[in-house]
C-alpha cells in the first residue's frame, strides 16, 4: 500500500450475508485483486467479507459489533466507535476516506440480509457529502455508479441498465448505446422511466446537466455469460 498522503483509490467492504456465488465473482473482479487499490477499508462486518475474499484490511472502522476478534487483530489499523451513534459504519468509512483525500471509492454491498441496511447503504453512497469522490459500487453481482455529470460504461449487448434519480430531478439527461435512449430528458425521483433499459452496443454513455443518478448494470441471466 502507498503512504497515506498518496492514497487515491479505496475499496470499502460492508458487512452482510454475501452469497458464495457473489464472493467467487468478487474475488476475480475487485480492483484490490489487481493492485489498483491504495486502501482497503472494512466497515465493521466487512472485515469478515475481506477474509472470505482473501484481502488484508488496512483500516477497520465502526462499532465492531459484527467483527470478530480475529478480524480486529488482523486489521492494520482499527478505529472503534460507540455502538450508540448517529452514523452508520459505511458513513464512518466514507468519511474516513474523504478525510484521507481519497479520490475514488469502490463500495461493496449486498442486498441480502436486513433490507433497511441494504437500501440505506445505497442511499448513503449517493449522498452529496461525498461529492468530491468518484464512487462506484458492487451490489452483489451487479455494477453501480454514482453519477453527477457523465458516465461511460462497457458491457455486452443485452446487459440491463437502470437509472435512478436521487433526491432531486436529473436534468438534461441524454443517453446513447441503450435500447430506449433519452434526449435532454428530465428524470424525476420515484419514477420508472430510467428502469429496465438494455445495452445495444458494448459501450453506453450517459450525460446530464444537473442532479445525481444511481446507475445499475446487471448481467443477463444466461449460462453462456461469463
Protein backbone atom coordinates (compact mmCIF):
# COMPACT_ATOMS: atom_id res chain seq x y z
CA UNK A 1 0.00 0.00 0.00
CA UNK A 2 1.12 3.58 -0.58
CA UNK A 3 1.74 6.18 2.09
CA UNK A 4 -1.34 7.95 3.44
CA UNK A 5 -0.57 11.19 1.61
CA UNK A 6 -0.50 9.40 -1.73
CA UNK A 7 -3.64 7.31 -1.36
CA UNK A 8 -6.12 7.91 -4.16
CA UNK A 9 -8.25 4.77 -4.55
CA UNK A 10 -10.11 2.95 -1.79
CA UNK A 11 -12.12 -0.23 -1.52
CA UNK A 12 -14.82 -0.23 1.18
CA UNK A 13 -16.31 -3.55 2.20
CA UNK A 14 -19.61 -3.58 4.08
CA UNK A 15 -20.95 -6.47 6.12
CA UNK A 16 -23.78 -8.84 5.34
CA UNK A 17 -24.52 -12.40 4.23
CA UNK A 18 -22.94 -12.29 0.78
CA UNK A 19 -23.83 -15.45 -1.18
CA UNK A 20 -20.89 -17.72 -2.02
CA UNK A 21 -21.51 -17.18 -5.74
CA UNK A 22 -21.10 -13.43 -5.27
CA UNK A 23 -17.89 -13.87 -3.28
CA UNK A 24 -16.45 -16.06 -6.03
CA UNK A 25 -17.15 -13.39 -8.64
CA UNK A 26 -15.82 -10.59 -6.45
CA UNK A 27 -12.54 -12.44 -5.97
CA UNK A 28 -11.93 -12.13 -9.71
CA UNK A 29 -13.28 -8.63 -10.24
CA UNK A 30 -12.42 -6.36 -7.33
CA UNK A 31 -9.74 -3.75 -8.08
CA UNK A 32 -7.76 -4.72 -4.98
CA UNK A 33 -7.06 -8.06 -6.61
CA UNK A 34 -5.30 -6.20 -9.41
CA UNK A 35 -3.31 -3.90 -7.12
CA UNK A 36 -5.28 -0.84 -8.18
CA UNK A 37 -6.39 -0.03 -4.63
CA UNK A 38 -4.36 2.04 -2.18
CA UNK A 39 -6.59 1.49 0.86
CA UNK A 40 -8.85 -1.41 1.86
CA UNK A 41 -11.42 -0.31 4.44
CA UNK A 42 -13.72 -2.71 6.26
CA UNK A 43 -16.91 -1.21 7.67
CA UNK A 44 -17.35 -3.41 10.77
CA UNK A 45 -18.65 -6.77 9.47
CA UNK A 46 -16.96 -6.02 6.17
CA UNK A 47 -13.85 -7.43 7.83
CA UNK A 48 -15.42 -10.88 7.66
CA UNK A 49 -16.12 -10.32 3.97
CA UNK A 50 -12.49 -9.30 3.46
CA UNK A 51 -11.38 -12.59 4.99
CA UNK A 52 -13.62 -14.52 2.60
CA UNK A 53 -12.09 -12.57 -0.27
CA UNK A 54 -8.55 -13.11 0.96
CA UNK A 55 -7.91 -9.37 1.26
CA UNK A 56 -5.84 -7.73 4.01
CA UNK A 57 -7.64 -4.88 5.79
CA UNK A 58 -5.75 -1.60 6.10
CA UNK A 59 -8.44 0.07 8.20
CA UNK A 60 -11.31 -1.40 10.22
CA UNK A 61 -13.89 1.18 11.28
CA UNK A 62 -17.23 1.01 13.09
CA UNK A 63 -18.72 -0.04 16.40
CA UNK A 64 -17.28 -3.54 15.79
CA UNK A 65 -20.41 -5.36 16.93
CA UNK A 66 -20.13 -7.65 13.89
CA UNK A 67 -16.36 -8.05 13.52
CA UNK A 68 -14.79 -10.98 15.37
CA UNK A 69 -11.57 -10.96 17.39
CA UNK A 70 -9.52 -12.38 14.52
CA UNK A 71 -10.68 -9.63 12.17
CA UNK A 72 -9.86 -6.96 14.72
CA UNK A 73 -6.41 -8.40 15.36
CA UNK A 74 -5.66 -8.83 11.66
CA UNK A 75 -6.53 -5.25 10.65
CA UNK A 76 -3.56 -2.93 10.28
CA UNK A 77 -5.48 -0.04 11.88
CA UNK A 78 -8.67 -0.13 13.95
CA UNK A 79 -10.99 2.82 14.68
CA UNK A 80 -13.66 1.76 17.16
CA UNK A 81 -16.78 3.89 17.62
CA UNK A 82 -19.59 3.68 20.19
CA UNK A 83 -22.49 1.35 19.41
CA UNK A 84 -24.94 4.20 20.10
CA UNK A 85 -24.05 6.65 17.35
CA UNK A 86 -25.76 8.73 14.67
CA UNK A 87 -23.70 7.44 11.73
CA UNK A 88 -23.67 4.02 10.16
CA UNK A 89 -20.46 2.08 9.73
CA UNK A 90 -20.50 2.85 6.00
CA UNK A 91 -20.81 6.56 6.70
CA UNK A 92 -17.82 6.34 9.03
CA UNK A 93 -15.83 4.50 6.35
CA UNK A 94 -16.70 7.01 3.63
CA UNK A 95 -15.96 9.91 5.96
CA UNK A 96 -12.55 8.45 6.72
CA UNK A 97 -11.82 8.00 3.01
CA UNK A 98 -12.83 11.61 2.35
CA UNK A 99 -10.65 12.89 5.20
CA UNK A 100 -7.66 10.99 3.78
CA UNK A 101 -8.02 12.66 0.40
CA UNK A 102 -9.25 9.58 -1.43
CA UNK A 103 -10.37 10.41 -4.98
CA UNK A 104 -12.29 7.28 -5.96
CA UNK A 105 -14.05 4.60 -3.94
CA UNK A 106 -15.48 1.19 -4.75
CA UNK A 107 -18.18 0.28 -2.22
CA UNK A 108 -19.15 -3.39 -1.93
CA UNK A 109 -22.67 -4.05 -0.63
CA UNK A 110 -25.20 -6.85 -0.64
CA UNK A 111 -28.98 -6.84 -0.89
CA UNK A 112 -29.09 -9.95 1.29
CA UNK A 113 -29.75 -9.57 4.99
CA UNK A 114 -31.59 -6.64 6.54
CA UNK A 115 -33.48 -4.60 3.96
CA UNK A 116 -33.04 -1.32 5.87
CA UNK A 117 -29.27 -1.80 5.85
CA UNK A 118 -29.26 -2.72 2.16
CA UNK A 119 -31.33 0.24 1.00
CA UNK A 120 -29.62 2.56 3.47
CA UNK A 121 -26.19 1.66 2.08
CA UNK A 122 -27.28 2.57 -1.46
CA UNK A 123 -28.75 5.85 -0.27
CA UNK A 124 -25.68 6.72 1.79
CA UNK A 125 -23.35 6.04 -1.15
CA UNK A 126 -25.22 8.63 -3.25
CA UNK A 127 -25.04 11.40 -0.63
CA UNK A 128 -23.69 14.77 -1.71
CA UNK A 129 -21.35 14.62 1.28
CA UNK A 130 -19.05 12.51 -0.88
CA UNK A 131 -19.46 14.64 -3.99
CA UNK A 132 -15.71 15.18 -4.36
CA UNK A 133 -15.10 11.42 -4.69
CA UNK A 134 -15.95 9.19 -7.62
CA UNK A 135 -17.99 6.30 -6.24
CA UNK A 136 -18.78 3.02 -7.91
CA UNK A 137 -20.43 0.01 -6.33
CA UNK A 138 -20.61 -3.74 -6.44
CA UNK A 139 -24.16 -4.64 -5.48
CA UNK A 140 -23.94 -8.42 -5.24
CA UNK A 141 -23.24 -9.36 -8.89
CA UNK A 142 -24.39 -6.02 -10.33
CA UNK A 143 -22.26 -2.95 -11.00
CA UNK A 144 -23.26 0.53 -9.91
CA UNK A 145 -22.09 4.12 -10.28
CA UNK A 146 -22.96 7.40 -8.60
CA UNK A 147 -23.10 9.90 -11.46
CA UNK A 148 -23.11 13.69 -11.22
CA UNK A 149 -22.14 14.62 -14.77
CA UNK A 150 -21.30 11.82 -17.22
CA UNK A 151 -20.52 8.13 -17.36
CA UNK A 152 -19.25 5.71 -19.99
CA UNK A 153 -19.91 2.04 -19.26
CA UNK A 154 -18.80 -1.10 -21.05
CA UNK A 155 -20.57 -4.43 -21.17
CA UNK A 156 -22.33 -6.79 -23.50
CA UNK A 157 -25.34 -6.32 -25.72
CA UNK A 158 -28.37 -7.19 -23.63
CA UNK A 159 -26.97 -6.09 -20.26
CA UNK A 160 -29.74 -4.49 -18.20
CA UNK A 161 -29.18 -0.86 -17.22
CA UNK A 162 -31.27 1.12 -14.76
CA UNK A 163 -31.12 4.85 -13.98
CA UNK A 164 -32.47 6.19 -10.69
CA UNK A 165 -32.66 9.90 -9.90
CA UNK A 166 -31.62 10.53 -6.30
CA UNK A 167 -33.04 13.33 -4.16
CA UNK A 168 -33.87 15.72 -6.99
CA UNK A 169 -34.62 15.61 -10.72
CA UNK A 170 -31.77 14.75 -13.07
CA UNK A 171 -31.98 17.26 -15.91
CA UNK A 172 -30.54 17.36 -19.41
CA UNK A 173 -30.30 13.58 -19.34
CA UNK A 174 -29.04 12.11 -22.61
CA UNK A 175 -28.05 8.51 -23.26
CA UNK A 176 -26.52 6.59 -26.16
CA UNK A 177 -25.99 2.88 -26.65
CA UNK A 178 -29.25 1.93 -24.93
CA UNK A 179 -32.38 0.41 -26.44
CA UNK A 180 -34.58 3.28 -25.23
CA UNK A 181 -32.45 6.42 -25.43
CA UNK A 182 -33.14 9.65 -23.57
CA UNK A 183 -32.52 13.03 -25.18
CA UNK A 184 -32.26 16.07 -22.91
CA UNK A 185 -34.81 14.43 -20.62
CA UNK A 186 -35.78 15.13 -17.02
CA UNK A 187 -35.77 12.08 -14.76
CA UNK A 188 -37.76 12.59 -11.58
CA UNK A 189 -37.08 10.66 -8.36
CA UNK A 190 -39.60 7.91 -7.73
CA UNK A 191 -40.37 7.25 -11.41
CA UNK A 192 -39.64 4.17 -13.51
CA UNK A 193 -38.65 5.96 -16.71
CA UNK A 194 -34.99 5.00 -16.34
CA UNK A 195 -35.52 1.36 -15.41
CA UNK A 196 -35.24 -1.86 -17.43
CA UNK A 197 -33.21 -0.42 -20.28
CA UNK A 198 -30.62 -2.56 -22.03
CA UNK A 199 -27.36 -2.10 -23.86
CA UNK A 200 -27.43 -2.27 -27.66
CA UNK A 201 -23.65 -1.98 -28.01
CA UNK A 202 -20.57 -2.79 -25.98
CA UNK A 203 -20.45 0.78 -24.68
CA UNK A 204 -23.12 3.17 -23.45
CA UNK A 205 -22.84 6.81 -22.45
CA UNK A 206 -24.87 8.85 -20.01
CA UNK A 207 -24.68 12.64 -19.71
CA UNK A 208 -26.70 15.09 -17.66
CA UNK A 209 -26.73 18.75 -16.68
CA UNK A 210 -27.68 18.52 -13.01
CA UNK A 211 -28.72 16.08 -10.31
CA UNK A 212 -27.45 12.76 -9.00
CA UNK A 213 -28.01 9.40 -10.67
CA UNK A 214 -27.55 5.90 -9.37
CA UNK A 215 -26.80 3.77 -12.43
CA UNK A 216 -27.01 -0.01 -12.06
CA UNK A 217 -25.92 -2.56 -14.65
CA UNK A 218 -26.82 -6.22 -14.29
CA UNK A 219 -25.72 -9.21 -16.29
CA UNK A 220 -28.15 -11.13 -18.48
CA UNK A 221 -29.33 -14.36 -16.89
CA UNK A 222 -27.95 -16.84 -19.36
CA UNK A 223 -25.48 -19.71 -18.95
CA UNK A 224 -23.04 -18.52 -21.62
CA UNK A 225 -22.39 -15.21 -19.88
CA UNK A 226 -19.04 -15.12 -18.10
